[in-house]
C-alpha atoms as a PDB file:
ATOM      1  CA  MET A   1     246.942  89.228  82.584  1.00  0.00           C
ATOM      2  CA  ASP A   2     245.407  91.181  85.083  1.00  0.00           C
ATOM      3  CA  ILE A   3     247.897  94.076  85.278  1.00  0.00           C
ATOM      4  CA  VAL A   4     247.158  96.451  88.847  1.00  0.00           C
ATOM      5  CA  ILE A   5     247.599  99.739  88.240  1.00  0.00           C
ATOM      6  CA  ARG A   6     247.569 101.927  91.496  1.00  0.00           C
ATOM      7  CA  ALA A   7     250.114 104.724  93.375  1.00  0.00           C
ATOM      8  CA  ALA A   8     253.431 103.470  94.145  1.00  0.00           C
ATOM      9  CA  ALA A   9     254.432 103.151  98.104  1.00  0.00           C
ATOM     10  CA  ALA A  10     256.698 104.752  99.859  1.00  0.00           C
ATOM     11  CA  ALA A  11     258.284 101.236 100.973  1.00  0.00           C
ATOM     12  CA  GLU A  12     258.598 100.610  97.048  1.00  0.00           C
ATOM     13  CA  TYR A  13     260.541 103.736  95.945  1.00  0.00           C
ATOM     14  CA  GLU A  14     263.697 101.837  96.188  1.00  0.00           C
ATOM     15  CA  GLU A  15     262.837  98.936  93.996  1.00  0.00           C
ATOM     16  CA  LEU A  16     260.931 101.576  91.322  1.00  0.00           C
ATOM     17  CA  GLY A  17     263.580 103.832  91.396  1.00  0.00           C
ATOM     18  CA  GLU A  18     266.597 100.702  90.541  1.00  0.00           C
ATOM     19  CA  LEU A  19     264.004  99.645  87.971  1.00  0.00           C
ATOM     20  CA  THR A  20     263.761 102.559  86.410  1.00  0.00           C
ATOM     21  CA  ALA A  21     267.260 103.166  86.141  1.00  0.00           C
ATOM     22  CA  GLN A  22     268.103  99.557  85.225  1.00  0.00           C
ATOM     23  CA  ALA A  23     265.388 100.106  82.381  1.00  0.00           C
ATOM     24  CA  TYR A  24     267.099 103.098  80.850  1.00  0.00           C
ATOM     25  CA  LEU A  25     270.474 101.978  81.378  1.00  0.00           C
ATOM     26  CA  ARG A  26     269.377  98.309  79.250  1.00  0.00           C
ATOM     27  CA  ASP A  27     268.167 100.108  76.508  1.00  0.00           C
ATOM     28  CA  GLU A  28     271.349 102.327  76.399  1.00  0.00           C
ATOM     29  CA  LEU A  29     269.003 105.558  76.889  1.00  0.00           C
ATOM     30  CA  LEU A  30     272.065 107.138  78.724  1.00  0.00           C
ATOM     31  CA  ASP A  31     274.530 108.735  77.172  1.00  0.00           C
ATOM     32  CA  PHE A  32     277.346 108.154  79.939  1.00  0.00           C
ATOM     33  CA  ALA A  33     275.817 104.748  81.212  1.00  0.00           C
ATOM     34  CA  GLU A  34     276.259 104.447  84.583  1.00  0.00           C
ATOM     35  CA  ASP A  35     278.341 107.455  85.477  1.00  0.00           C
ATOM     36  CA  ASP A  36     275.495 109.363  83.627  1.00  0.00           C
ATOM     37  CA  PRO A  37     274.015 111.928  86.111  1.00  0.00           C
ATOM     38  CA  TYR A  38     270.378 111.433  85.145  1.00  0.00           C
ATOM     39  CA  LEU A  39     270.564 108.277  87.151  1.00  0.00           C
ATOM     40  CA  ASP A  40     270.342 110.012  90.089  1.00  0.00           C
ATOM     41  CA  ARG A  41     266.978 111.403  88.736  1.00  0.00           C
ATOM     42  CA  LEU A  42     265.754 108.285  88.026  1.00  0.00           C
ATOM     43  CA  ARG A  43     266.488 106.767  90.974  1.00  0.00           C
ATOM     44  CA  ASP A  44     264.781 109.469  93.377  1.00  0.00           C
ATOM     45  CA  VAL A  45     261.180 108.108  93.076  1.00  0.00           C
ATOM     46  CA  ALA A  46     260.575 109.781  96.870  1.00  0.00           C
ATOM     47  CA  GLY A  47     261.750 113.329  95.132  1.00  0.00           C
ATOM     48  CA  ARG A  48     259.424 112.337  92.316  1.00  0.00           C
ATOM     49  CA  ALA A  49     256.418 111.213  94.442  1.00  0.00           C
ATOM     50  CA  ALA A  50     257.006 114.713  96.493  1.00  0.00           C
ATOM     51  CA  ASP A  51     256.207 116.684  93.393  1.00  0.00           C
ATOM     52  CA  ALA A  52     253.807 114.375  91.517  1.00  0.00           C
ATOM     53  CA  GLU A  53     252.232 111.305  91.167  1.00  0.00           C
ATOM     54  CA  VAL A  54     254.202 107.455  90.789  1.00  0.00           C
ATOM     55  CA  ILE A  55     252.141 105.124  89.343  1.00  0.00           C
ATOM     56  CA  VAL A  56     253.067 101.921  88.908  1.00  0.00           C
ATOM     57  CA  ALA A  57     252.035  98.042  87.198  1.00  0.00           C
ATOM     58  CA  GLU A  58     252.017  95.413  88.985  1.00  0.00           C
ATOM     59  CA  TYR A  59     251.479  91.308  88.554  1.00  0.00           C
ATOM     60  CA  GLU A  60     250.440  89.139  91.561  1.00  0.00           C
ATOM     61  CA  GLY A  61     252.981  91.325  93.632  1.00  0.00           C
ATOM     62  CA  THR A  62     255.892  91.988  91.439  1.00  0.00           C
ATOM     63  CA  LEU A  63     256.513  95.477  90.402  1.00  0.00           C
ATOM     64  CA  LEU A  64     256.351  95.247  86.451  1.00  0.00           C
ATOM     65  CA  GLY A  65     256.614  99.514  85.947  1.00  0.00           C
ATOM     66  CA  ASN A  66     255.872 102.657  86.897  1.00  0.00           C
ATOM     67  CA  VAL A  67     255.623 106.198  85.218  1.00  0.00           C
ATOM     68  CA  THR A  68     255.552 109.895  86.705  1.00  0.00           C
ATOM     69  CA  PHE A  69     252.766 111.757  86.483  1.00  0.00           C
ATOM     70  CA  ALA A  70     253.007 115.390  86.477  1.00  0.00           C
ATOM     71  CA  PRO A  71     250.059 117.313  86.717  1.00  0.00           C
ATOM     72  CA  PRO A  72     249.522 121.162  85.520  1.00  0.00           C
ATOM     73  CA  GLY A  73     251.962 123.349  88.306  1.00  0.00           C
ATOM     74  CA  SER A  74     254.054 120.300  89.263  1.00  0.00           C
ATOM     75  CA  PRO A  75     257.604 121.247  88.969  1.00  0.00           C
ATOM     76  CA  LEU A  76     258.074 118.278  87.146  1.00  0.00           C
ATOM     77  CA  ALA A  77     256.092 119.284  84.192  1.00  0.00           C
ATOM     78  CA  GLN A  78     258.463 120.175  81.624  1.00  0.00           C
ATOM     79  CA  ILE A  79     256.234 120.785  78.444  1.00  0.00           C
ATOM     80  CA  ALA A  80     253.262 120.866  79.570  1.00  0.00           C
ATOM     81  CA  GLY A  81     251.661 124.290  78.829  1.00  0.00           C
ATOM     82  CA  PRO A  82     247.782 125.704  79.790  1.00  0.00           C
ATOM     83  CA  GLY A  83     245.456 122.714  79.704  1.00  0.00           C
ATOM     84  CA  GLU A  84     248.048 119.676  79.810  1.00  0.00           C
ATOM     85  CA  ALA A  85     249.065 117.362  81.900  1.00  0.00           C
ATOM     86  CA  GLU A  86     252.176 115.586  81.137  1.00  0.00           C
ATOM     87  CA  PHE A  87     254.041 112.490  81.887  1.00  0.00           C
ATOM     88  CA  ARG A  88     257.831 111.128  82.291  1.00  0.00           C
ATOM     89  CA  MET A  89     259.840 108.136  83.083  1.00  0.00           C
ATOM     90  CA  LEU A  90     258.009 105.753  81.808  1.00  0.00           C
ATOM     91  CA  ALA A  91     260.120 102.596  82.663  1.00  0.00           C
ATOM     92  CA  VAL A  92     258.899  98.865  82.275  1.00  0.00           C
ATOM     93  CA  SER A  93     261.201  96.386  83.772  1.00  0.00           C
ATOM     94  CA  PRO A  94     263.274  94.432  80.857  1.00  0.00           C
ATOM     95  CA  GLN A  95     261.728  90.869  82.018  1.00  0.00           C
ATOM     96  CA  ALA A  96     257.842  92.395  82.065  1.00  0.00           C
ATOM     97  CA  ARG A  97     258.151  93.681  78.572  1.00  0.00           C
ATOM     98  CA  GLY A  98     255.676  92.949  76.270  1.00  0.00           C
ATOM     99  CA  ARG A  99     252.889  92.241  79.023  1.00  0.00           C
ATOM    100  CA  GLY A 100     250.920  95.385  78.439  1.00  0.00           C
ATOM    101  CA  ALA A 101     252.060  97.111  81.683  1.00  0.00           C
ATOM    102  CA  GLY A 102     253.734 100.186  79.470  1.00  0.00           C
ATOM    103  CA  GLU A 103     250.459 100.715  77.660  1.00  0.00           C
ATOM    104  CA  ALA A 104     248.385 100.509  81.073  1.00  0.00           C
ATOM    105  CA  LEU A 105     250.283 102.875  82.848  1.00  0.00           C
ATOM    106  CA  VAL A 106     249.817 105.191  79.518  1.00  0.00           C
ATOM    107  CA  ARG A 107     246.296 104.496  79.785  1.00  0.00           C
ATOM    108  CA  ALA A 108     246.320 105.268  83.569  1.00  0.00           C
ATOM    109  CA  CYS A 109     247.740 108.859  82.738  1.00  0.00           C
ATOM    110  CA  MET A 110     245.442 109.490  80.172  1.00  0.00           C
ATOM    111  CA  VAL A 111     242.587 108.513  82.766  1.00  0.00           C
ATOM    112  CA  ARG A 112     244.227 110.609  85.543  1.00  0.00           C
ATOM    113  CA  ALA A 113     244.564 113.765  83.168  1.00  0.00           C
ATOM    114  CA  GLN A 114     240.821 113.621  82.029  1.00  0.00           C
ATOM    115  CA  ASP A 115     239.983 113.679  85.845  1.00  0.00           C
ATOM    116  CA  LEU A 116     241.436 117.187  86.429  1.00  0.00           C
ATOM    117  CA  ASP A 117     239.418 119.788  85.803  1.00  0.00           C
ATOM    118  CA  GLY A 118     240.769 121.783  82.780  1.00  0.00           C
ATOM    119  CA  VAL A 119     242.978 119.407  81.406  1.00  0.00           C
ATOM    120  CA  THR A 120     242.252 118.654  77.690  1.00  0.00           C
ATOM    121  CA  HIS A 121     245.965 117.446  76.390  1.00  0.00           C
ATOM    122  CA  LEU A 122     248.347 114.777  77.918  1.00  0.00           C
ATOM    123  CA  ALA A 123     252.090 115.792  76.727  1.00  0.00           C
ATOM    124  CA  LEU A 124     255.433 113.878  76.924  1.00  0.00           C
ATOM    125  CA  SER A 125     258.825 114.263  75.576  1.00  0.00           C
ATOM    126  CA  THR A 126     260.697 111.081  74.518  1.00  0.00           C
ATOM    127  CA  THR A 127     263.949 110.325  73.060  1.00  0.00           C
ATOM    128  CA  GLU A 128     264.237 109.008  69.498  1.00  0.00           C
ATOM    129  CA  LYS A 129     265.633 105.417  70.847  1.00  0.00           C
ATOM    130  CA  MET A 130     262.397 104.762  72.757  1.00  0.00           C
ATOM    131  CA  LEU A 131     261.340 102.861  69.859  1.00  0.00           C
ATOM    132  CA  GLY A 132     258.765 100.665  71.634  1.00  0.00           C
ATOM    133  CA  ALA A 133     256.988 103.549  73.607  1.00  0.00           C
ATOM    134  CA  HIS A 134     256.884 105.259  70.383  1.00  0.00           C
ATOM    135  CA  ARG A 135     254.457 102.529  68.832  1.00  0.00           C
ATOM    136  CA  ILE A 136     252.409 102.905  72.413  1.00  0.00           C
ATOM    137  CA  TYR A 137     251.757 106.416  72.056  1.00  0.00           C
ATOM    138  CA  ASP A 138     251.043 105.884  68.421  1.00  0.00           C
ATOM    139  CA  ARG A 139     248.274 103.110  69.031  1.00  0.00           C
ATOM    140  CA  LEU A 140     247.018 105.490  71.736  1.00  0.00           C
ATOM    141  CA  GLY A 141     246.621 108.618  69.555  1.00  0.00           C
ATOM    142  CA  PHE A 142     249.654 110.192  70.667  1.00  0.00           C
ATOM    143  CA  VAL A 143     250.861 112.874  67.738  1.00  0.00           C
ATOM    144  CA  ARG A 144     254.115 114.464  67.077  1.00  0.00           C
ATOM    145  CA  THR A 145     254.636 118.113  68.019  1.00  0.00           C
ATOM    146  CA  PRO A 146     257.703 118.647  66.749  1.00  0.00           C
ATOM    147  CA  GLU A 147     257.478 122.498  66.759  1.00  0.00           C
ATOM    148  CA  ARG A 148     257.633 121.618  70.840  1.00  0.00           C
ATOM    149  CA  ASP A 149     260.728 119.147  70.333  1.00  0.00           C
ATOM    150  CA  TRP A 150     263.431 120.388  72.695  1.00  0.00           C
ATOM    151  CA  TYR A 151     267.450 119.804  74.243  1.00  0.00           C
ATOM    152  CA  PRO A 152     267.479 119.340  77.691  1.00  0.00           C
ATOM    153  CA  VAL A 153     271.201 119.148  77.238  1.00  0.00           C
ATOM    154  CA  PRO A 154     273.434 119.620  74.831  1.00  0.00           C
ATOM    155  CA  GLY A 155     273.234 116.678  72.343  1.00  0.00           C
ATOM    156  CA  LEU A 156     270.294 115.119  73.512  1.00  0.00           C
ATOM    157  CA  PRO A 157     267.275 116.065  71.582  1.00  0.00           C
ATOM    158  CA  LEU A 158     263.627 114.973  72.895  1.00  0.00           C
ATOM    159  CA  LEU A 159     260.846 114.494  70.638  1.00  0.00           C
ATOM    160  CA  THR A 160     257.335 115.382  72.081  1.00  0.00           C
ATOM    161  CA  TYR A 161     253.754 113.837  71.878  1.00  0.00           C
ATOM    162  CA  ARG A 162     250.571 115.321  72.613  1.00  0.00           C
ATOM    163  CA  VAL A 163     246.839 113.424  72.495  1.00  0.00           C
ATOM    164  CA  GLU A 164     243.654 115.143  72.994  1.00  0.00           C
ATOM    165  CA  LEU A 165     241.747 113.647  75.872  1.00  0.00           C
END
């Protein structure tokens, strides 16, 4: 399968927001389901694109998934330290899982980070439930950084990973 990786177009923001929201809902990653306030953030692709880079995976005109790449200095970088970029909100449509879109998006973030002067590492946060994503991170050489784990809200632990570029 020839997955195309590219920047998101403004005309796709609404569809990408819904794809992201549905991926999180289907995987039961939101404590309050449809009432979870984080859904607004997931659906706000235009807001993310204003502060970071939204990268999409597409196959024959169908959007398979997307990820938000936060370069150093981006307000969306939550855990990145000096010399690090970060990615967030990796989501693949439930219908597109198992085709390599998630891994292609993570690889695109790695390449994007390598292209930035002074960036030597790529970091991310994930939940304990995102097991499919954990397999991708392990396969691509990311290592757990438990000393950086954090809680964005009480009761929601986020695990952290990082890879040297």
